[in-house]
């Protein structure tokens, strides 16, 4: 999907438990930047859109520091095209599609299913 194909009143939804939860407007997502959202169970997620218009969501908690800051991280991509967010604190990179830490293969963060819904 590309950003030009998305209506301005479109909402971003995350799968929370067994139901989809509306978390923010598509227009609030600046390509390459994240937003933090609160899910119904009290956990935080970080939502991103990349420069091609793809939507991603991962846990907002940095597993190395325990701080809820991943939504403030920088989005980039590896030479082989893996899109990641780099933690703003210690700079570990997390694959936005899988949650895998690209700098420590023993660490992984939760990934949330995300989709576009109607406003």
PDB file of N, CA and C in Angstrom:
ATOM      1  N   UNK A   1       0.836  -1.159   0.000  1.00  0.00           N
ATOM      2  CA  UNK A   1       0.000   0.000   0.000  1.00  0.00           C
ATOM      3  C   UNK A   1       0.885   1.227   0.000  1.00  0.00           C
ATOM      4  N   UNK A   2       0.443   2.280  -0.598  1.00  0.00           N
ATOM      5  CA  UNK A   2       1.175   3.534  -0.591  1.00  0.00           C
ATOM      6  C   UNK A   2       0.386   4.563   0.180  1.00  0.00           C
ATOM      7  N   UNK A   3       1.070   5.582   0.637  1.00  0.00           N
ATOM      8  CA  UNK A   3       0.397   6.593   1.439  1.00  0.00           C
ATOM      9  C   UNK A   3      -0.646   7.358   0.633  1.00  0.00           C
ATOM     10  N   UNK A   4      -0.474   7.463  -0.668  1.00  0.00           N
ATOM     11  CA  UNK A   4      -1.438   8.207  -1.475  1.00  0.00           C
ATOM     12  C   UNK A   4      -2.756   7.456  -1.616  1.00  0.00           C
ATOM     13  N   UNK A   5      -2.784   6.162  -1.361  1.00  0.00           N
ATOM     14  CA  UNK A   5      -3.999   5.363  -1.515  1.00  0.00           C
ATOM     15  C   UNK A   5      -4.835   5.312  -0.238  1.00  0.00           C
ATOM     16  N   UNK A   6      -4.392   5.977   0.833  1.00  0.00           N
ATOM     17  CA  UNK A   6      -5.083   5.912   2.114  1.00  0.00           C
ATOM     18  C   UNK A   6      -5.897   7.182   2.328  1.00  0.00           C
ATOM     19  N   UNK A   7      -7.175   7.011   2.634  1.00  0.00           N
ATOM     20  CA  UNK A   7      -8.051   8.153   2.894  1.00  0.00           C
ATOM     21  C   UNK A   7      -7.620   8.871   4.165  1.00  0.00           C
ATOM     22  N   UNK A   8      -7.863  10.162   4.226  1.00  0.00           N
ATOM     23  CA  UNK A   8      -7.418  10.955   5.373  1.00  0.00           C
ATOM     24  C   UNK A   8      -8.145  10.611   6.664  1.00  0.00           C
ATOM     25  N   UNK A   9      -9.325  10.011   6.598  1.00  0.00           N
ATOM     26  CA  UNK A   9     -10.070   9.667   7.809  1.00  0.00           C
ATOM     27  C   UNK A   9      -9.840   8.214   8.239  1.00  0.00           C
ATOM     28  N   UNK A  10      -8.800   7.590   7.745  1.00  0.00           N
ATOM     29  CA  UNK A  10      -8.525   6.192   8.044  1.00  0.00           C
ATOM     30  C   UNK A  10      -7.889   6.056   9.426  1.00  0.00           C
ATOM     31  N   UNK A  11      -8.323   5.039  10.159  1.00  0.00           N
ATOM     32  CA  UNK A  11      -7.787   4.758  11.490  1.00  0.00           C
ATOM     33  C   UNK A  11      -6.852   3.558  11.437  1.00  0.00           C
ATOM     34  N   UNK A  12      -5.846   3.578  12.301  1.00  0.00           N
ATOM     35  CA  UNK A  12      -4.939   2.445  12.475  1.00  0.00           C
ATOM     36  C   UNK A  12      -5.513   1.586  13.590  1.00  0.00           C
ATOM     37  N   UNK A  13      -5.573   0.271  13.346  1.00  0.00           N
ATOM     38  CA  UNK A  13      -6.094  -0.665  14.338  1.00  0.00           C
ATOM     39  C   UNK A  13      -5.039  -1.713  14.653  1.00  0.00           C
ATOM     40  N   UNK A  14      -4.963  -2.105  15.932  1.00  0.00           N
ATOM     41  CA  UNK A  14      -4.077  -3.174  16.382  1.00  0.00           C
ATOM     42  C   UNK A  14      -4.910  -4.309  16.939  1.00  0.00           C
ATOM     43  N   UNK A  15      -4.436  -5.526  16.734  1.00  0.00           N
ATOM     44  CA  UNK A  15      -5.108  -6.690  17.302  1.00  0.00           C
ATOM     45  C   UNK A  15      -4.725  -6.777  18.772  1.00  0.00           C
ATOM     46  N   UNK A  16      -5.704  -6.574  19.641  1.00  0.00           N
ATOM     47  CA  UNK A  16      -5.493  -6.613  21.086  1.00  0.00           C
ATOM     48  C   UNK A  16      -6.358  -7.739  21.634  1.00  0.00           C
ATOM     49  N   UNK A  17      -5.712  -8.821  22.012  1.00  0.00           N
ATOM     50  CA  UNK A  17      -6.474  -9.995  22.415  1.00  0.00           C
ATOM     51  C   UNK A  17      -7.117 -10.614  21.196  1.00  0.00           C
ATOM     52  N   UNK A  18      -8.451 -10.680  21.197  1.00  0.00           N
ATOM     53  CA  UNK A  18      -9.181 -11.265  20.061  1.00  0.00           C
ATOM     54  C   UNK A  18      -9.906 -10.230  19.211  1.00  0.00           C
ATOM     55  N   UNK A  19      -9.731  -8.964  19.549  1.00  0.00           N
ATOM     56  CA  UNK A  19     -10.449  -7.939  18.788  1.00  0.00           C
ATOM     57  C   UNK A  19      -9.501  -6.829  18.336  1.00  0.00           C
ATOM     58  N   UNK A  20      -9.932  -6.140  17.296  1.00  0.00           N
ATOM     59  CA  UNK A  20      -9.158  -5.034  16.754  1.00  0.00           C
ATOM     60  C   UNK A  20      -9.514  -3.765  17.521  1.00  0.00           C
ATOM     61  N   UNK A  21      -8.489  -2.989  17.891  1.00  0.00           N
ATOM     62  CA  UNK A  21      -8.668  -1.753  18.641  1.00  0.00           C
ATOM     63  C   UNK A  21      -8.132  -0.587  17.828  1.00  0.00           C
ATOM     64  N   UNK A  22      -8.942   0.428  17.669  1.00  0.00           N
ATOM     65  CA  UNK A  22      -8.527   1.637  16.971  1.00  0.00           C
ATOM     66  C   UNK A  22      -7.572   2.414  17.878  1.00  0.00           C
ATOM     67  N   UNK A  23      -6.385   2.787  17.349  1.00  0.00           N
ATOM     68  CA  UNK A  23      -5.376   3.418  18.205  1.00  0.00           C
ATOM     69  C   UNK A  23      -4.972   4.829  17.784  1.00  0.00           C
ATOM     70  N   UNK A  24      -5.059   5.162  16.513  1.00  0.00           N
ATOM     71  CA  UNK A  24      -4.693   6.507  16.076  1.00  0.00           C
ATOM     72  C   UNK A  24      -5.141   6.714  14.633  1.00  0.00           C
ATOM     73  N   UNK A  25      -5.086   7.952  14.202  1.00  0.00           N
ATOM     74  CA  UNK A  25      -5.375   8.268  12.802  1.00  0.00           C
ATOM     75  C   UNK A  25      -4.136   8.003  11.958  1.00  0.00           C
ATOM     76  N   UNK A  26      -4.344   7.511  10.745  1.00  0.00           N
ATOM     77  CA  UNK A  26      -3.246   7.276   9.807  1.00  0.00           C
ATOM     78  C   UNK A  26      -2.438   8.559   9.597  1.00  0.00           C
ATOM     79  N   UNK A  27      -3.130   9.690   9.545  1.00  0.00           N
ATOM     80  CA  UNK A  27      -2.475  10.975   9.321  1.00  0.00           C
ATOM     81  C   UNK A  27      -1.499  11.358  10.437  1.00  0.00           C
ATOM     82  N   UNK A  28      -1.651  10.775  11.625  1.00  0.00           N
ATOM     83  CA  UNK A  28      -0.748  11.074  12.734  1.00  0.00           C
ATOM     84  C   UNK A  28       0.607  10.394  12.579  1.00  0.00           C
ATOM     85  N   UNK A  29       0.689   9.425  11.690  1.00  0.00           N
ATOM     86  CA  UNK A  29       1.935   8.684  11.511  1.00  0.00           C
ATOM     87  C   UNK A  29       2.789   9.352  10.441  1.00  0.00           C
ATOM     88  N   UNK A  30       3.869   9.952  10.861  1.00  0.00           N
ATOM     89  CA  UNK A  30       4.829  10.550   9.942  1.00  0.00           C
ATOM     90  C   UNK A  30       5.784   9.447   9.517  1.00  0.00           C
ATOM     91  N   UNK A  31       5.997   9.260   8.217  1.00  0.00           N
ATOM     92  CA  UNK A  31       6.923   8.201   7.787  1.00  0.00           C
ATOM     93  C   UNK A  31       8.281   8.305   8.482  1.00  0.00           C
ATOM     94  N   UNK A  32       8.710   7.179   9.035  1.00  0.00           N
ATOM     95  CA  UNK A  32       9.993   7.129   9.715  1.00  0.00           C
ATOM     96  C   UNK A  32       9.960   7.511  11.181  1.00  0.00           C
ATOM     97  N   UNK A  33       8.801   7.918  11.697  1.00  0.00           N
ATOM     98  CA  UNK A  33       8.657   8.286  13.103  1.00  0.00           C
ATOM     99  C   UNK A  33       7.569   7.429  13.721  1.00  0.00           C
ATOM    100  N   UNK A  34       7.610   7.239  15.025  1.00  0.00           N
ATOM    101  CA  UNK A  34       6.625   6.406  15.697  1.00  0.00           C
ATOM    102  C   UNK A  34       5.718   7.188  16.619  1.00  0.00           C
ATOM    103  N   UNK A  35       4.637   6.529  17.029  1.00  0.00           N
ATOM    104  CA  UNK A  35       3.758   7.055  18.070  1.00  0.00           C
ATOM    105  C   UNK A  35       3.528   5.944  19.087  1.00  0.00           C
ATOM    106  N   UNK A  36       3.414   6.334  20.342  1.00  0.00           N
ATOM    107  CA  UNK A  36       3.101   5.384  21.406  1.00  0.00           C
ATOM    108  C   UNK A  36       1.598   5.347  21.595  1.00  0.00           C
ATOM    109  N   UNK A  37       1.059   4.144  21.789  1.00  0.00           N
ATOM    110  CA  UNK A  37      -0.366   3.983  22.032  1.00  0.00           C
ATOM    111  C   UNK A  37      -0.564   3.060  23.226  1.00  0.00           C
ATOM    112  N   UNK A  38      -1.675   3.267  23.924  1.00  0.00           N
ATOM    113  CA  UNK A  38      -2.033   2.445  25.069  1.00  0.00           C
ATOM    114  C   UNK A  38      -3.103   1.463  24.644  1.00  0.00           C
ATOM    115  N   UNK A  39      -2.879   0.184  24.889  1.00  0.00           N
ATOM    116  CA  UNK A  39      -3.829  -0.862  24.528  1.00  0.00           C
ATOM    117  C   UNK A  39      -4.792  -1.114  25.683  1.00  0.00           C
ATOM    118  N   UNK A  40      -5.947  -1.734  25.411  1.00  0.00           N
ATOM    119  CA  UNK A  40      -6.957  -1.950  26.461  1.00  0.00           C
ATOM    120  C   UNK A  40      -6.448  -2.707  27.689  1.00  0.00           C
ATOM    121  N   UNK A  41      -5.444  -3.563  27.519  1.00  0.00           N
ATOM    122  CA  UNK A  41      -4.926  -4.321  28.664  1.00  0.00           C
ATOM    123  C   UNK A  41      -3.885  -3.542  29.467  1.00  0.00           C
ATOM    124  N   UNK A  42      -3.637  -2.281  29.091  1.00  0.00           N
ATOM    125  CA  UNK A  42      -2.692  -1.440  29.820  1.00  0.00           C
ATOM    126  C   UNK A  42      -1.268  -1.473  29.279  1.00  0.00           C
ATOM    127  N   UNK A  43      -0.997  -2.317  28.300  1.00  0.00           N
ATOM    128  CA  UNK A  43       0.338  -2.348  27.714  1.00  0.00           C
ATOM    129  C   UNK A  43       0.474  -1.253  26.668  1.00  0.00           C
ATOM    130  N   UNK A  44       1.725  -0.911  26.370  1.00  0.00           N
ATOM    131  CA  UNK A  44       2.001   0.112  25.376  1.00  0.00           C
ATOM    132  C   UNK A  44       2.531  -0.525  24.103  1.00  0.00           C
ATOM    133  N   UNK A  45       2.170   0.061  22.981  1.00  0.00           N
ATOM    134  CA  UNK A  45       2.701  -0.359  21.690  1.00  0.00           C
ATOM    135  C   UNK A  45       3.278   0.868  20.994  1.00  0.00           C
ATOM    136  N   UNK A  46       4.208   0.626  20.105  1.00  0.00           N
ATOM    137  CA  UNK A  46       4.768   1.668  19.248  1.00  0.00           C
ATOM    138  C   UNK A  46       4.302   1.373  17.832  1.00  0.00           C
ATOM    139  N   UNK A  47       3.749   2.374  17.169  1.00  0.00           N
ATOM    140  CA  UNK A  47       3.204   2.210  15.824  1.00  0.00           C
ATOM    141  C   UNK A  47       4.032   3.062  14.865  1.00  0.00           C
ATOM    142  N   UNK A  48       4.388   2.468  13.727  1.00  0.00           N
ATOM    143  CA  UNK A  48       5.228   3.143  12.734  1.00  0.00           C
ATOM    144  C   UNK A  48       4.653   2.947  11.344  1.00  0.00           C
ATOM    145  N   UNK A  49       4.975   3.887  10.469  1.00  0.00           N
ATOM    146  CA  UNK A  49       4.798   3.657   9.047  1.00  0.00           C
ATOM    147  C   UNK A  49       6.126   4.021   8.397  1.00  0.00           C
ATOM    148  N   UNK A  50       6.535   3.187   7.454  1.00  0.00           N
ATOM    149  CA  UNK A  50       7.808   3.458   6.788  1.00  0.00           C
ATOM    150  C   UNK A  50       7.581   4.355   5.574  1.00  0.00           C
ATOM    151  N   UNK A  51       8.642   4.650   4.865  1.00  0.00           N
ATOM    152  CA  UNK A  51       8.552   5.588   3.735  1.00  0.00           C
ATOM    153  C   UNK A  51       7.813   5.011   2.536  1.00  0.00           C
ATOM    154  N   UNK A  52       7.560   3.686   2.528  1.00  0.00           N
ATOM    155  CA  UNK A  52       6.775   3.086   1.448  1.00  0.00           C
ATOM    156  C   UNK A  52       5.300   2.976   1.819  1.00  0.00           C
ATOM    157  N   UNK A  53       4.939   3.349   3.060  1.00  0.00           N
ATOM    158  CA  UNK A  53       3.555   3.290   3.503  1.00  0.00           C
ATOM    159  C   UNK A  53       3.202   2.029   4.260  1.00  0.00           C
ATOM    160  N   UNK A  54       4.160   1.160   4.537  1.00  0.00           N
ATOM    161  CA  UNK A  54       3.867  -0.053   5.318  1.00  0.00           C
ATOM    162  C   UNK A  54       3.663   0.312   6.775  1.00  0.00           C
ATOM    163  N   UNK A  55       2.764  -0.414   7.419  1.00  0.00           N
ATOM    164  CA  UNK A  55       2.387  -0.193   8.802  1.00  0.00           C
ATOM    165  C   UNK A  55       3.006  -1.274   9.679  1.00  0.00           C
ATOM    166  N   UNK A  56       3.562  -0.866  10.831  1.00  0.00           N
ATOM    167  CA  UNK A  56       4.197  -1.800  11.767  1.00  0.00           C
ATOM    168  C   UNK A  56       3.794  -1.427  13.186  1.00  0.00           C
ATOM    169  N   UNK A  57       3.792  -2.435  14.076  1.00  0.00           N
ATOM    170  CA  UNK A  57       3.591  -2.163  15.490  1.00  0.00           C
ATOM    171  C   UNK A  57       4.352  -3.189  16.320  1.00  0.00           C
ATOM    172  N   UNK A  58       5.066  -2.690  17.306  1.00  0.00           N
ATOM    173  CA  UNK A  58       5.829  -3.530  18.231  1.00  0.00           C
ATOM    174  C   UNK A  58       5.579  -3.013  19.648  1.00  0.00           C
ATOM    175  N   UNK A  59       6.040  -3.766  20.630  1.00  0.00           N
ATOM    176  CA  UNK A  59       5.965  -3.300  22.012  1.00  0.00           C
ATOM    177  C   UNK A  59       6.779  -2.015  22.138  1.00  0.00           C
ATOM    178  N   UNK A  60       6.328  -1.113  22.982  1.00  0.00           N
ATOM    179  CA  UNK A  60       7.034   0.157  23.166  1.00  0.00           C
ATOM    180  C   UNK A  60       8.165   0.042  24.180  1.00  0.00           C
ATOM    181  N   UNK A  61       8.231  -1.050  24.921  1.00  0.00           N
ATOM    182  CA  UNK A  61       9.231  -1.225  25.991  1.00  0.00           C
ATOM    183  C   UNK A  61      10.555  -1.728  25.428  1.00  0.00           C
ATOM    184  N   UNK A  62      11.618  -1.000  25.727  1.00  0.00           N
ATOM    185  CA  UNK A  62      12.973  -1.406  25.362  1.00  0.00           C
ATOM    186  C   UNK A  62      13.408  -2.495  26.342  1.00  0.00           C
ATOM    187  N   UNK A  63      13.665  -3.722  25.880  1.00  0.00           N
ATOM    188  CA  UNK A  63      13.999  -4.808  26.799  1.00  0.00           C
ATOM    189  C   UNK A  63      15.363  -4.651  27.469  1.00  0.00           C
ATOM    190  N   UNK A  64      16.211  -3.818  26.951  1.00  0.00           N
ATOM    191  CA  UNK A  64      17.543  -3.636  27.537  1.00  0.00           C
ATOM    192  C   UNK A  64      17.532  -2.657  28.707  1.00  0.00           C
ATOM    193  N   UNK A  65      16.613  -1.684  28.698  1.00  0.00           N
ATOM    194  CA  UNK A  65      16.569  -0.682  29.769  1.00  0.00           C
ATOM    195  C   UNK A  65      15.279  -0.727  30.574  1.00  0.00           C
ATOM    196  N   UNK A  66      14.218  -1.322  30.004  1.00  0.00           N
ATOM    197  CA  UNK A  66      12.920  -1.330  30.659  1.00  0.00           C
ATOM    198  C   UNK A  66      12.126  -0.060  30.427  1.00  0.00           C
ATOM    199  N   UNK A  67      12.696   0.901  29.722  1.00  0.00           N
ATOM    200  CA  UNK A  67      12.006   2.166  29.464  1.00  0.00           C
ATOM    201  C   UNK A  67      11.057   2.026  28.275  1.00  0.00           C
ATOM    202  N   UNK A  68       9.962   2.756  28.325  1.00  0.00           N
ATOM    203  CA  UNK A  68       8.958   2.732  27.254  1.00  0.00           C
ATOM    204  C   UNK A  68       9.284   3.844  26.251  1.00  0.00           C
ATOM    205  N   UNK A  69      10.229   3.543  25.351  1.00  0.00           N
ATOM    206  CA  UNK A  69      10.779   4.586  24.477  1.00  0.00           C
ATOM    207  C   UNK A  69      10.912   4.196  23.010  1.00  0.00           C
ATOM    208  N   UNK A  70      10.581   2.977  22.636  1.00  0.00           N
ATOM    209  CA  UNK A  70      10.843   2.566  21.258  1.00  0.00           C
ATOM    210  C   UNK A  70      10.085   3.406  20.234  1.00  0.00           C
ATOM    211  N   UNK A  71       8.940   3.973  20.620  1.00  0.00           N
ATOM    212  CA  UNK A  71       8.204   4.832  19.697  1.00  0.00           C
ATOM    213  C   UNK A  71       9.004   6.081  19.339  1.00  0.00           C
ATOM    214  N   UNK A  72       9.991   6.427  20.125  1.00  0.00           N
ATOM    215  CA  UNK A  72      10.833   7.599  19.868  1.00  0.00           C
ATOM    216  C   UNK A  72      12.111   7.246  19.109  1.00  0.00           C
ATOM    217  N   UNK A  73      12.250   5.966  18.756  1.00  0.00           N
ATOM    218  CA  UNK A  73      13.438   5.520  18.044  1.00  0.00           C
ATOM    219  C   UNK A  73      13.431   5.929  16.585  1.00  0.00           C
ATOM    220  N   UNK A  74      14.584   5.765  15.966  1.00  0.00           N
ATOM    221  CA  UNK A  74      14.730   6.088  14.550  1.00  0.00           C
ATOM    222  C   UNK A  74      14.476   4.858  13.698  1.00  0.00           C
ATOM    223  N   UNK A  75      13.714   5.029  12.629  1.00  0.00           N
ATOM    224  CA  UNK A  75      13.419   3.931  11.709  1.00  0.00           C
ATOM    225  C   UNK A  75      14.462   3.940  10.598  1.00  0.00           C
ATOM    226  N   UNK A  76      14.956   2.756  10.283  1.00  0.00           N
ATOM    227  CA  UNK A  76      15.927   2.604   9.207  1.00  0.00           C
ATOM    228  C   UNK A  76      15.740   1.257   8.549  1.00  0.00           C
ATOM    229  N   UNK A  77      16.654   0.907   7.653  1.00  0.00           N
ATOM    230  CA  UNK A  77      16.598  -0.415   7.034  1.00  0.00           C
ATOM    231  C   UNK A  77      18.015  -0.920   6.802  1.00  0.00           C
ATOM    232  N   UNK A  78      18.140  -2.234   6.839  1.00  0.00           N
ATOM    233  CA  UNK A  78      19.434  -2.872   6.611  1.00  0.00           C
ATOM    234  C   UNK A  78      19.699  -2.951   5.101  1.00  0.00           C
ATOM    235  N   UNK A  79      20.898  -3.354   4.756  1.00  0.00           N
ATOM    236  CA  UNK A  79      21.262  -3.482   3.341  1.00  0.00           C
ATOM    237  C   UNK A  79      20.378  -4.488   2.615  1.00  0.00           C
ATOM    238  N   UNK A  80      19.873  -5.489   3.355  1.00  0.00           N
ATOM    239  CA  UNK A  80      19.004  -6.486   2.722  1.00  0.00           C
ATOM    240  C   UNK A  80      17.512  -6.133   2.846  1.00  0.00           C
ATOM    241  N   UNK A  81      17.193  -4.901   3.284  1.00  0.00           N
ATOM    242  CA  UNK A  81      15.812  -4.424   3.262  1.00  0.00           C
ATOM    243  C   UNK A  81      14.992  -4.644   4.516  1.00  0.00           C
ATOM    244  N   UNK A  82      15.588  -5.118   5.604  1.00  0.00           N
ATOM    245  CA  UNK A  82      14.829  -5.296   6.854  1.00  0.00           C
ATOM    246  C   UNK A  82      14.614  -3.934   7.501  1.00  0.00           C
ATOM    247  N   UNK A  83      13.352  -3.604   7.761  1.00  0.00           N
ATOM    248  CA  UNK A  83      13.018  -2.327   8.386  1.00  0.00           C
ATOM    249  C   UNK A  83      13.118  -2.498   9.901  1.00  0.00           C
ATOM    250  N   UNK A  84      13.778  -1.546  10.563  1.00  0.00           N
ATOM    251  CA  UNK A  84      13.986  -1.655  12.008  1.00  0.00           C
ATOM    252  C   UNK A  84      13.759  -0.315  12.688  1.00  0.00           C
ATOM    253  N   UNK A  85      13.601  -0.381  14.012  1.00  0.00           N
ATOM    254  CA  UNK A  85      13.631   0.809  14.846  1.00  0.00           C
ATOM    255  C   UNK A  85      14.843   0.668  15.757  1.00  0.00           C
ATOM    256  N   UNK A  86      15.617   1.744  15.871  1.00  0.00           N
ATOM    257  CA  UNK A  86      16.772   1.774  16.763  1.00  0.00           C
ATOM    258  C   UNK A  86      16.348   2.449  18.060  1.00  0.00           C
ATOM    259  N   UNK A  87      16.583   1.778  19.182  1.00  0.00           N
ATOM    260  CA  UNK A  87      16.225   2.352  20.474  1.00  0.00           C
ATOM    261  C   UNK A  87      16.939   3.686  20.663  1.00  0.00           C
ATOM    262  N   UNK A  88      16.224   4.699  21.171  1.00  0.00           N
ATOM    263  CA  UNK A  88      16.873   5.991  21.380  1.00  0.00           C
ATOM    264  C   UNK A  88      17.856   5.987  22.552  1.00  0.00           C
ATOM    265  N   UNK A  89      17.858   4.933  23.365  1.00  0.00           N
ATOM    266  CA  UNK A  89      18.743   4.905  24.525  1.00  0.00           C
ATOM    267  C   UNK A  89      20.083   4.227  24.225  1.00  0.00           C
ATOM    268  N   UNK A  90      20.062   2.931  23.994  1.00  0.00           N
ATOM    269  CA  UNK A  90      21.316   2.198  23.787  1.00  0.00           C
ATOM    270  C   UNK A  90      21.561   1.821  22.332  1.00  0.00           C
ATOM    271  N   UNK A  91      20.636   2.203  21.464  1.00  0.00           N
ATOM    272  CA  UNK A  91      20.765   2.070  20.005  1.00  0.00           C
ATOM    273  C   UNK A  91      20.621   0.657  19.453  1.00  0.00           C
ATOM    274  N   UNK A  92      20.155  -0.321  20.250  1.00  0.00           N
ATOM    275  CA  UNK A  92      19.882  -1.636  19.676  1.00  0.00           C
ATOM    276  C   UNK A  92      18.786  -1.493  18.632  1.00  0.00           C
ATOM    277  N   UNK A  93      18.896  -2.287  17.570  1.00  0.00           N
ATOM    278  CA  UNK A  93      17.934  -2.230  16.464  1.00  0.00           C
ATOM    279  C   UNK A  93      17.007  -3.435  16.528  1.00  0.00           C
ATOM    280  N   UNK A  94      15.701  -3.186  16.338  1.00  0.00           N
ATOM    281  CA  UNK A  94      14.689  -4.233  16.379  1.00  0.00           C
ATOM    282  C   UNK A  94      13.955  -4.285  15.053  1.00  0.00           C
ATOM    283  N   UNK A  95      13.922  -5.461  14.443  1.00  0.00           N
ATOM    284  CA  UNK A  95      13.209  -5.663  13.187  1.00  0.00           C
ATOM    285  C   UNK A  95      11.730  -5.420  13.440  1.00  0.00           C
ATOM    286  N   UNK A  96      11.125  -4.516  12.687  1.00  0.00           N
ATOM    287  CA  UNK A  96       9.719  -4.167  12.903  1.00  0.00           C
ATOM    288  C   UNK A  96       8.755  -5.253  12.450  1.00  0.00           C
ATOM    289  N   UNK A  97       9.187  -6.149  11.585  1.00  0.00           N
ATOM    290  CA  UNK A  97       8.304  -7.230  11.125  1.00  0.00           C
ATOM    291  C   UNK A  97       8.336  -8.435  12.053  1.00  0.00           C
ATOM    292  N   UNK A  98       9.486  -8.703  12.671  1.00  0.00           N
ATOM    293  CA  UNK A  98       9.635  -9.919  13.479  1.00  0.00           C
ATOM    294  C   UNK A  98       9.866  -9.662  14.960  1.00  0.00           C
ATOM    295  N   UNK A  99      10.310  -8.450  15.319  1.00  0.00           N
ATOM    296  CA  UNK A  99      10.654  -8.144  16.704  1.00  0.00           C
ATOM    297  C   UNK A  99      12.050  -8.559  17.091  1.00  0.00           C
ATOM    298  N   UNK A 100      12.776  -9.223  16.193  1.00  0.00           N
ATOM    299  CA  UNK A 100      14.120  -9.704  16.487  1.00  0.00           C
ATOM    300  C   UNK A 100      15.085  -8.547  16.685  1.00  0.00           C
ATOM    301  N   UNK A 101      15.927  -8.652  17.710  1.00  0.00           N
ATOM    302  CA  UNK A 101      16.979  -7.663  17.912  1.00  0.00           C
ATOM    303  C   UNK A 101      18.103  -7.984  16.932  1.00  0.00           C
ATOM    304  N   UNK A 102      18.445  -7.030  16.089  1.00  0.00           N
ATOM    305  CA  UNK A 102      19.473  -7.262  15.076  1.00  0.00           C
ATOM    306  C   UNK A 102      20.877  -7.233  15.668  1.00  0.00           C
ATOM    307  N   UNK A 103      20.991  -6.788  16.918  1.00  0.00           N
ATOM    308  CA  UNK A 103      22.288  -6.683  17.574  1.00  0.00           C
ATOM    309  C   UNK A 103      22.513  -7.736  18.655  1.00  0.00           C
ATOM    310  N   UNK A 104      21.481  -8.494  18.984  1.00  0.00           N
ATOM    311  CA  UNK A 104      21.576  -9.558  19.992  1.00  0.00           C
ATOM    312  C   UNK A 104      20.486 -10.580  19.677  1.00  0.00           C
ATOM    313  N   UNK A 105      20.857 -11.654  19.014  1.00  0.00           N
ATOM    314  CA  UNK A 105      19.877 -12.636  18.536  1.00  0.00           C
ATOM    315  C   UNK A 105      19.105 -13.339  19.643  1.00  0.00           C
ATOM    316  N   UNK A 106      19.498 -13.180  20.896  1.00  0.00           N
ATOM    317  CA  UNK A 106      18.778 -13.814  22.003  1.00  0.00           C
ATOM    318  C   UNK A 106      17.608 -12.965  22.497  1.00  0.00           C
ATOM    319  N   UNK A 107      17.471 -11.747  21.965  1.00  0.00           N
ATOM    320  CA  UNK A 107      16.436 -10.821  22.432  1.00  0.00           C
ATOM    321  C   UNK A 107      15.426 -10.566  21.315  1.00  0.00           C
ATOM    322  N   UNK A 108      14.168 -10.517  21.707  1.00  0.00           N
ATOM    323  CA  UNK A 108      13.071 -10.274  20.762  1.00  0.00           C
ATOM    324  C   UNK A 108      11.990  -9.487  21.498  1.00  0.00           C
ATOM    325  N   UNK A 109      11.322  -8.590  20.779  1.00  0.00           N
ATOM    326  CA  UNK A 109      10.204  -7.841  21.359  1.00  0.00           C
ATOM    327  C   UNK A 109       8.906  -8.300  20.697  1.00  0.00           C
ATOM    328  N   UNK A 110       7.780  -8.164  21.405  1.00  0.00           N
ATOM    329  CA  UNK A 110       6.495  -8.554  20.813  1.00  0.00           C
ATOM    330  C   UNK A 110       6.143  -7.686  19.606  1.00  0.00           C
ATOM    331  N   UNK A 111       5.513  -8.316  18.625  1.00  0.00           N
ATOM    332  CA  UNK A 111       5.016  -7.637  17.438  1.00  0.00           C
ATOM    333  C   UNK A 111       3.504  -7.690  17.483  1.00  0.00           C
ATOM    334  N   UNK A 112       2.857  -6.606  17.129  1.00  0.00           N
ATOM    335  CA  UNK A 112       1.393  -6.541  17.108  1.00  0.00           C
ATOM    336  C   UNK A 112       0.898  -6.514  15.665  1.00  0.00           C
ATOM    337  N   UNK A 113      -0.141  -7.274  15.391  1.00  0.00           N
ATOM    338  CA  UNK A 113      -0.776  -7.207  14.083  1.00  0.00           C
ATOM    339  C   UNK A 113      -1.422  -5.841  13.939  1.00  0.00           C
ATOM    340  N   UNK A 114      -1.230  -5.222  12.778  1.00  0.00           N
ATOM    341  CA  UNK A 114      -1.766  -3.887  12.530  1.00  0.00           C
ATOM    342  C   UNK A 114      -2.477  -3.857  11.193  1.00  0.00           C
ATOM    343  N   UNK A 115      -3.501  -3.024  11.111  1.00  0.00           N
ATOM    344  CA  UNK A 115      -4.232  -2.875   9.844  1.00  0.00           C
ATOM    345  C   UNK A 115      -4.860  -1.488   9.802  1.00  0.00           C
ATOM    346  N   UNK A 116      -5.349  -1.129   8.637  1.00  0.00           N
ATOM    347  CA  UNK A 116      -6.084   0.112   8.456  1.00  0.00           C
ATOM    348  C   UNK A 116      -7.565  -0.184   8.491  1.00  0.00           C
ATOM    349  N   UNK A 117      -8.315   0.637   9.215  1.00  0.00           N
ATOM    350  CA  UNK A 117      -9.750   0.485   9.287  1.00  0.00           C
ATOM    351  C   UNK A 117     -10.430   1.795   8.953  1.00  0.00           C
ATOM    352  N   UNK A 118     -11.723   1.803   8.932  1.00  0.00           N
ATOM    353  CA  UNK A 118     -12.478   3.015   8.645  1.00  0.00           C
ATOM    354  C   UNK A 118     -12.565   3.877   9.893  1.00  0.00           C
ATOM    355  N   UNK A 119     -12.729   5.156   9.691  1.00  0.00           N
ATOM    356  CA  UNK A 119     -12.834   6.095  10.827  1.00  0.00           C
ATOM    357  C   UNK A 119     -14.158   5.931  11.541  1.00  0.00           C
TER     358      UNK A 119
END
